[in-house]
């Protein structure tokens, strides 16, 4: 006997588990935080060595 998808659900809507979506968002935030931490340390070191303009550009996102 074959059942359709609608009858197997019995009218209950299913959706993506929230844990999976939250985990992806959590990982993205950790990555951004670590990237910002690395940039700020690099900018501090550049500034200590007298490269103030490079340090400012690094923090503003214009490092080319």
PDB file of N, CA and C in Angstrom:
ATOM      1  N   UNK A   1       0.837  -1.162   0.000  1.00  0.00           N
ATOM      2  CA  UNK A   1       0.000   0.000   0.000  1.00  0.00           C
ATOM      3  C   UNK A   1       0.896   1.244   0.000  1.00  0.00           C
ATOM      4  N   UNK A   2       0.628   2.163  -0.884  1.00  0.00           N
ATOM      5  CA  UNK A   2       1.454   3.349  -1.050  1.00  0.00           C
ATOM      6  C   UNK A   2       0.802   4.543  -0.361  1.00  0.00           C
ATOM      7  N   UNK A   3       1.587   5.304   0.368  1.00  0.00           N
ATOM      8  CA  UNK A   3       1.067   6.500   1.036  1.00  0.00           C
ATOM      9  C   UNK A   3       1.624   7.739   0.354  1.00  0.00           C
ATOM     10  N   UNK A   4       0.842   8.757   0.299  1.00  0.00           N
ATOM     11  CA  UNK A   4       1.334  10.018  -0.231  1.00  0.00           C
ATOM     12  C   UNK A   4       2.045  10.779   0.877  1.00  0.00           C
ATOM     13  N   UNK A   5       2.810  11.777   0.480  1.00  0.00           N
ATOM     14  CA  UNK A   5       3.554  12.573   1.455  1.00  0.00           C
ATOM     15  C   UNK A   5       2.596  13.337   2.369  1.00  0.00           C
ATOM     16  N   UNK A   6       1.525  13.835   1.818  1.00  0.00           N
ATOM     17  CA  UNK A   6       0.562  14.596   2.625  1.00  0.00           C
ATOM     18  C   UNK A   6      -0.066  13.724   3.711  1.00  0.00           C
ATOM     19  N   UNK A   7      -0.420  12.495   3.376  1.00  0.00           N
ATOM     20  CA  UNK A   7      -1.057  11.654   4.377  1.00  0.00           C
ATOM     21  C   UNK A   7      -0.062  11.169   5.437  1.00  0.00           C
ATOM     22  N   UNK A   8       1.217  11.071   5.092  1.00  0.00           N
ATOM     23  CA  UNK A   8       2.191  10.634   6.096  1.00  0.00           C
ATOM     24  C   UNK A   8       2.500  11.742   7.097  1.00  0.00           C
ATOM     25  N   UNK A   9       2.319  12.995   6.690  1.00  0.00           N
ATOM     26  CA  UNK A   9       2.563  14.109   7.597  1.00  0.00           C
ATOM     27  C   UNK A   9       1.383  14.366   8.515  1.00  0.00           C
ATOM     28  N   UNK A  10       0.223  14.013   8.091  1.00  0.00           N
ATOM     29  CA  UNK A  10      -1.005  14.257   8.855  1.00  0.00           C
ATOM     30  C   UNK A  10      -1.216  15.742   9.133  1.00  0.00           C
ATOM     31  N   UNK A  11      -0.883  16.567   8.153  1.00  0.00           N
ATOM     32  CA  UNK A  11      -1.129  18.006   8.275  1.00  0.00           C
ATOM     33  C   UNK A  11      -0.114  18.760   9.099  1.00  0.00           C
ATOM     34  N   UNK A  12       0.984  18.136   9.517  1.00  0.00           N
ATOM     35  CA  UNK A  12       2.011  18.797  10.320  1.00  0.00           C
ATOM     36  C   UNK A  12       3.085  19.322   9.382  1.00  0.00           C
ATOM     37  N   UNK A  13       3.400  20.610   9.501  1.00  0.00           N
ATOM     38  CA  UNK A  13       4.433  21.210   8.659  1.00  0.00           C
ATOM     39  C   UNK A  13       5.809  20.988   9.290  1.00  0.00           C
ATOM     40  N   UNK A  14       6.748  20.592   8.497  1.00  0.00           N
ATOM     41  CA  UNK A  14       8.116  20.389   8.958  1.00  0.00           C
ATOM     42  C   UNK A  14       8.991  21.505   8.433  1.00  0.00           C
ATOM     43  N   UNK A  15      10.027  21.846   9.182  1.00  0.00           N
ATOM     44  CA  UNK A  15      10.953  22.878   8.751  1.00  0.00           C
ATOM     45  C   UNK A  15      12.373  22.487   9.158  1.00  0.00           C
ATOM     46  N   UNK A  16      13.313  23.250   8.686  1.00  0.00           N
ATOM     47  CA  UNK A  16      14.727  23.006   8.975  1.00  0.00           C
ATOM     48  C   UNK A  16      14.960  23.114  10.480  1.00  0.00           C
ATOM     49  N   UNK A  17      15.715  22.208  11.063  1.00  0.00           N
ATOM     50  CA  UNK A  17      16.010  22.318  12.500  1.00  0.00           C
ATOM     51  C   UNK A  17      16.743  23.623  12.805  1.00  0.00           C
ATOM     52  N   UNK A  18      16.373  24.276  13.872  1.00  0.00           N
ATOM     53  CA  UNK A  18      16.965  25.572  14.187  1.00  0.00           C
ATOM     54  C   UNK A  18      18.415  25.434  14.637  1.00  0.00           C
ATOM     55  N   UNK A  19      18.783  24.285  15.184  1.00  0.00           N
ATOM     56  CA  UNK A  19      20.161  24.110  15.643  1.00  0.00           C
ATOM     57  C   UNK A  19      21.144  24.242  14.489  1.00  0.00           C
ATOM     58  N   UNK A  20      20.789  23.671  13.342  1.00  0.00           N
ATOM     59  CA  UNK A  20      21.682  23.720  12.189  1.00  0.00           C
ATOM     60  C   UNK A  20      21.858  25.153  11.702  1.00  0.00           C
ATOM     61  N   UNK A  21      20.779  25.923  11.644  1.00  0.00           N
ATOM     62  CA  UNK A  21      20.887  27.317  11.209  1.00  0.00           C
ATOM     63  C   UNK A  21      21.673  28.138  12.219  1.00  0.00           C
ATOM     64  N   UNK A  22      21.428  27.917  13.506  1.00  0.00           N
ATOM     65  CA  UNK A  22      22.140  28.656  14.534  1.00  0.00           C
ATOM     66  C   UNK A  22      23.625  28.316  14.540  1.00  0.00           C
ATOM     67  N   UNK A  23      23.965  27.078  14.260  1.00  0.00           N
ATOM     68  CA  UNK A  23      25.364  26.655  14.228  1.00  0.00           C
ATOM     69  C   UNK A  23      26.119  27.368  13.115  1.00  0.00           C
ATOM     70  N   UNK A  24      25.508  27.486  11.943  1.00  0.00           N
ATOM     71  CA  UNK A  24      26.158  28.183  10.829  1.00  0.00           C
ATOM     72  C   UNK A  24      26.375  29.650  11.165  1.00  0.00           C
ATOM     73  N   UNK A  25      25.371  30.279  11.759  1.00  0.00           N
ATOM     74  CA  UNK A  25      25.494  31.689  12.135  1.00  0.00           C
ATOM     75  C   UNK A  25      26.562  31.865  13.207  1.00  0.00           C
ATOM     76  N   UNK A  26      26.618  30.944  14.149  1.00  0.00           N
ATOM     77  CA  UNK A  26      27.628  30.982  15.206  1.00  0.00           C
ATOM     78  C   UNK A  26      29.036  30.887  14.613  1.00  0.00           C
ATOM     79  N   UNK A  27      29.224  29.968  13.666  1.00  0.00           N
ATOM     80  CA  UNK A  27      30.542  29.808  13.041  1.00  0.00           C
ATOM     81  C   UNK A  27      30.946  31.055  12.257  1.00  0.00           C
ATOM     82  N   UNK A  28      30.001  31.671  11.567  1.00  0.00           N
ATOM     83  CA  UNK A  28      30.305  32.895  10.825  1.00  0.00           C
ATOM     84  C   UNK A  28      30.730  34.013  11.767  1.00  0.00           C
ATOM     85  N   UNK A  29      30.037  34.118  12.890  1.00  0.00           N
ATOM     86  CA  UNK A  29      30.376  35.172  13.850  1.00  0.00           C
ATOM     87  C   UNK A  29      31.748  34.943  14.476  1.00  0.00           C
ATOM     88  N   UNK A  30      32.076  33.700  14.775  1.00  0.00           N
ATOM     89  CA  UNK A  30      33.396  33.385  15.322  1.00  0.00           C
ATOM     90  C   UNK A  30      34.478  33.736  14.301  1.00  0.00           C
ATOM     91  N   UNK A  31      34.244  33.386  13.031  1.00  0.00           N
ATOM     92  CA  UNK A  31      35.214  33.691  11.977  1.00  0.00           C
ATOM     93  C   UNK A  31      35.429  35.198  11.861  1.00  0.00           C
ATOM     94  N   UNK A  32      34.346  35.967  11.863  1.00  0.00           N
ATOM     95  CA  UNK A  32      34.475  37.423  11.759  1.00  0.00           C
ATOM     96  C   UNK A  32      35.203  38.008  12.968  1.00  0.00           C
ATOM     97  N   UNK A  33      34.914  37.476  14.141  1.00  0.00           N
ATOM     98  CA  UNK A  33      35.571  37.972  15.348  1.00  0.00           C
ATOM     99  C   UNK A  33      37.069  37.696  15.321  1.00  0.00           C
ATOM    100  N   UNK A  34      37.439  36.497  14.898  1.00  0.00           N
ATOM    101  CA  UNK A  34      38.862  36.156  14.824  1.00  0.00           C
ATOM    102  C   UNK A  34      39.574  36.982  13.756  1.00  0.00           C
ATOM    103  N   UNK A  35      38.893  37.228  12.645  1.00  0.00           N
ATOM    104  CA  UNK A  35      39.496  38.051  11.600  1.00  0.00           C
ATOM    105  C   UNK A  35      39.713  39.478  12.103  1.00  0.00           C
ATOM    106  N   UNK A  36      38.725  40.022  12.792  1.00  0.00           N
ATOM    107  CA  UNK A  36      38.861  41.376  13.330  1.00  0.00           C
ATOM    108  C   UNK A  36      39.958  41.441  14.385  1.00  0.00           C
ATOM    109  N   UNK A  37      40.059  40.420  15.214  1.00  0.00           N
ATOM    110  CA  UNK A  37      41.106  40.379  16.232  1.00  0.00           C
ATOM    111  C   UNK A  37      42.489  40.364  15.571  1.00  0.00           C
ATOM    112  N   UNK A  38      42.647  39.573  14.528  1.00  0.00           N
ATOM    113  CA  UNK A  38      43.926  39.513  13.819  1.00  0.00           C
ATOM    114  C   UNK A  38      44.277  40.829  13.151  1.00  0.00           C
ATOM    115  N   UNK A  39      43.290  41.467  12.554  1.00  0.00           N
ATOM    116  CA  UNK A  39      43.544  42.761  11.918  1.00  0.00           C
ATOM    117  C   UNK A  39      43.935  43.814  12.939  1.00  0.00           C
ATOM    118  N   UNK A  40      43.264  43.825  14.076  1.00  0.00           N
ATOM    119  CA  UNK A  40      43.579  44.839  15.079  1.00  0.00           C
ATOM    120  C   UNK A  40      44.974  44.633  15.655  1.00  0.00           C
ATOM    121  N   UNK A  41      45.378  43.382  15.838  1.00  0.00           N
ATOM    122  CA  UNK A  41      46.745  43.124  16.327  1.00  0.00           C
ATOM    123  C   UNK A  41      47.781  43.530  15.294  1.00  0.00           C
ATOM    124  N   UNK A  42      47.497  43.225  14.025  1.00  0.00           N
ATOM    125  CA  UNK A  42      48.433  43.613  12.965  1.00  0.00           C
ATOM    126  C   UNK A  42      48.521  45.132  12.861  1.00  0.00           C
ATOM    127  N   UNK A  43      47.393  45.808  12.978  1.00  0.00           N
ATOM    128  CA  UNK A  43      47.396  47.268  12.913  1.00  0.00           C
ATOM    129  C   UNK A  43      48.167  47.866  14.088  1.00  0.00           C
ATOM    130  N   UNK A  44      48.015  47.274  15.249  1.00  0.00           N
ATOM    131  CA  UNK A  44      48.745  47.772  16.419  1.00  0.00           C
ATOM    132  C   UNK A  44      50.255  47.621  16.215  1.00  0.00           C
ATOM    133  N   UNK A  45      50.651  46.487  15.684  1.00  0.00           N
ATOM    134  CA  UNK A  45      52.074  46.256  15.458  1.00  0.00           C
ATOM    135  C   UNK A  45      52.617  47.207  14.392  1.00  0.00           C
ATOM    136  N   UNK A  46      51.863  47.397  13.313  1.00  0.00           N
ATOM    137  CA  UNK A  46      52.290  48.340  12.282  1.00  0.00           C
ATOM    138  C   UNK A  46      52.425  49.747  12.853  1.00  0.00           C
ATOM    139  N   UNK A  47      51.480  50.118  13.685  1.00  0.00           N
ATOM    140  CA  UNK A  47      51.516  51.446  14.283  1.00  0.00           C
ATOM    141  C   UNK A  47      52.723  51.607  15.213  1.00  0.00           C
ATOM    142  N   UNK A  48      53.043  50.563  15.960  1.00  0.00           N
ATOM    143  CA  UNK A  48      54.200  50.623  16.857  1.00  0.00           C
ATOM    144  C   UNK A  48      55.501  50.794  16.085  1.00  0.00           C
ATOM    145  N   UNK A  49      55.548  50.282  14.860  1.00  0.00           N
ATOM    146  CA  UNK A  49      56.753  50.392  14.043  1.00  0.00           C
ATOM    147  C   UNK A  49      56.747  51.628  13.159  1.00  0.00           C
ATOM    148  N   UNK A  50      55.739  52.467  13.310  1.00  0.00           N
ATOM    149  CA  UNK A  50      55.727  53.750  12.612  1.00  0.00           C
ATOM    150  C   UNK A  50      54.943  53.768  11.315  1.00  0.00           C
ATOM    151  N   UNK A  51      54.308  52.704  10.950  1.00  0.00           N
ATOM    152  CA  UNK A  51      53.534  52.654   9.713  1.00  0.00           C
ATOM    153  C   UNK A  51      52.068  52.999  10.012  1.00  0.00           C
ATOM    154  N   UNK A  52      51.843  54.240  10.381  1.00  0.00           N
ATOM    155  CA  UNK A  52      50.514  54.656  10.828  1.00  0.00           C
ATOM    156  C   UNK A  52      49.488  54.636   9.703  1.00  0.00           C
ATOM    157  N   UNK A  53      49.905  55.036   8.518  1.00  0.00           N
ATOM    158  CA  UNK A  53      48.964  55.068   7.388  1.00  0.00           C
ATOM    159  C   UNK A  53      48.532  53.652   6.993  1.00  0.00           C
ATOM    160  N   UNK A  54      49.478  52.709   6.988  1.00  0.00           N
ATOM    161  CA  UNK A  54      49.130  51.313   6.687  1.00  0.00           C
ATOM    162  C   UNK A  54      48.193  50.740   7.752  1.00  0.00           C
ATOM    163  N   UNK A  55      48.465  51.105   8.984  1.00  0.00           N
ATOM    164  CA  UNK A  55      47.634  50.629  10.087  1.00  0.00           C
ATOM    165  C   UNK A  55      46.200  51.141   9.954  1.00  0.00           C
ATOM    166  N   UNK A  56      46.055  52.411   9.630  1.00  0.00           N
ATOM    167  CA  UNK A  56      44.731  52.992   9.461  1.00  0.00           C
ATOM    168  C   UNK A  56      43.989  52.343   8.293  1.00  0.00           C
ATOM    169  N   UNK A  57      44.687  52.150   7.180  1.00  0.00           N
ATOM    170  CA  UNK A  57      44.062  51.513   6.022  1.00  0.00           C
ATOM    171  C   UNK A  57      43.645  50.074   6.318  1.00  0.00           C
ATOM    172  N   UNK A  58      44.421  49.372   7.100  1.00  0.00           N
ATOM    173  CA  UNK A  58      44.078  47.992   7.441  1.00  0.00           C
ATOM    174  C   UNK A  58      42.798  47.933   8.249  1.00  0.00           C
ATOM    175  N   UNK A  59      42.644  48.838   9.194  1.00  0.00           N
ATOM    176  CA  UNK A  59      41.444  48.835  10.024  1.00  0.00           C
ATOM    177  C   UNK A  59      40.214  49.319   9.251  1.00  0.00           C
ATOM    178  N   UNK A  60      40.418  50.161   8.251  1.00  0.00           N
ATOM    179  CA  UNK A  60      39.295  50.663   7.456  1.00  0.00           C
ATOM    180  C   UNK A  60      38.942  49.731   6.311  1.00  0.00           C
ATOM    181  N   UNK A  61      39.749  48.706   6.076  1.00  0.00           N
ATOM    182  CA  UNK A  61      39.451  47.742   5.020  1.00  0.00           C
ATOM    183  C   UNK A  61      40.027  48.097   3.676  1.00  0.00           C
ATOM    184  N   UNK A  62      40.927  49.070   3.642  1.00  0.00           N
ATOM    185  CA  UNK A  62      41.574  49.477   2.380  1.00  0.00           C
ATOM    186  C   UNK A  62      43.044  49.082   2.446  1.00  0.00           C
ATOM    187  N   UNK A  63      43.345  47.823   2.336  1.00  0.00           N
ATOM    188  CA  UNK A  63      44.731  47.372   2.506  1.00  0.00           C
ATOM    189  C   UNK A  63      45.446  47.114   1.199  1.00  0.00           C
ATOM    190  N   UNK A  64      44.895  47.514   0.077  1.00  0.00           N
ATOM    191  CA  UNK A  64      45.592  47.284  -1.203  1.00  0.00           C
ATOM    192  C   UNK A  64      46.646  48.330  -1.475  1.00  0.00           C
TER     193      UNK A  64
END
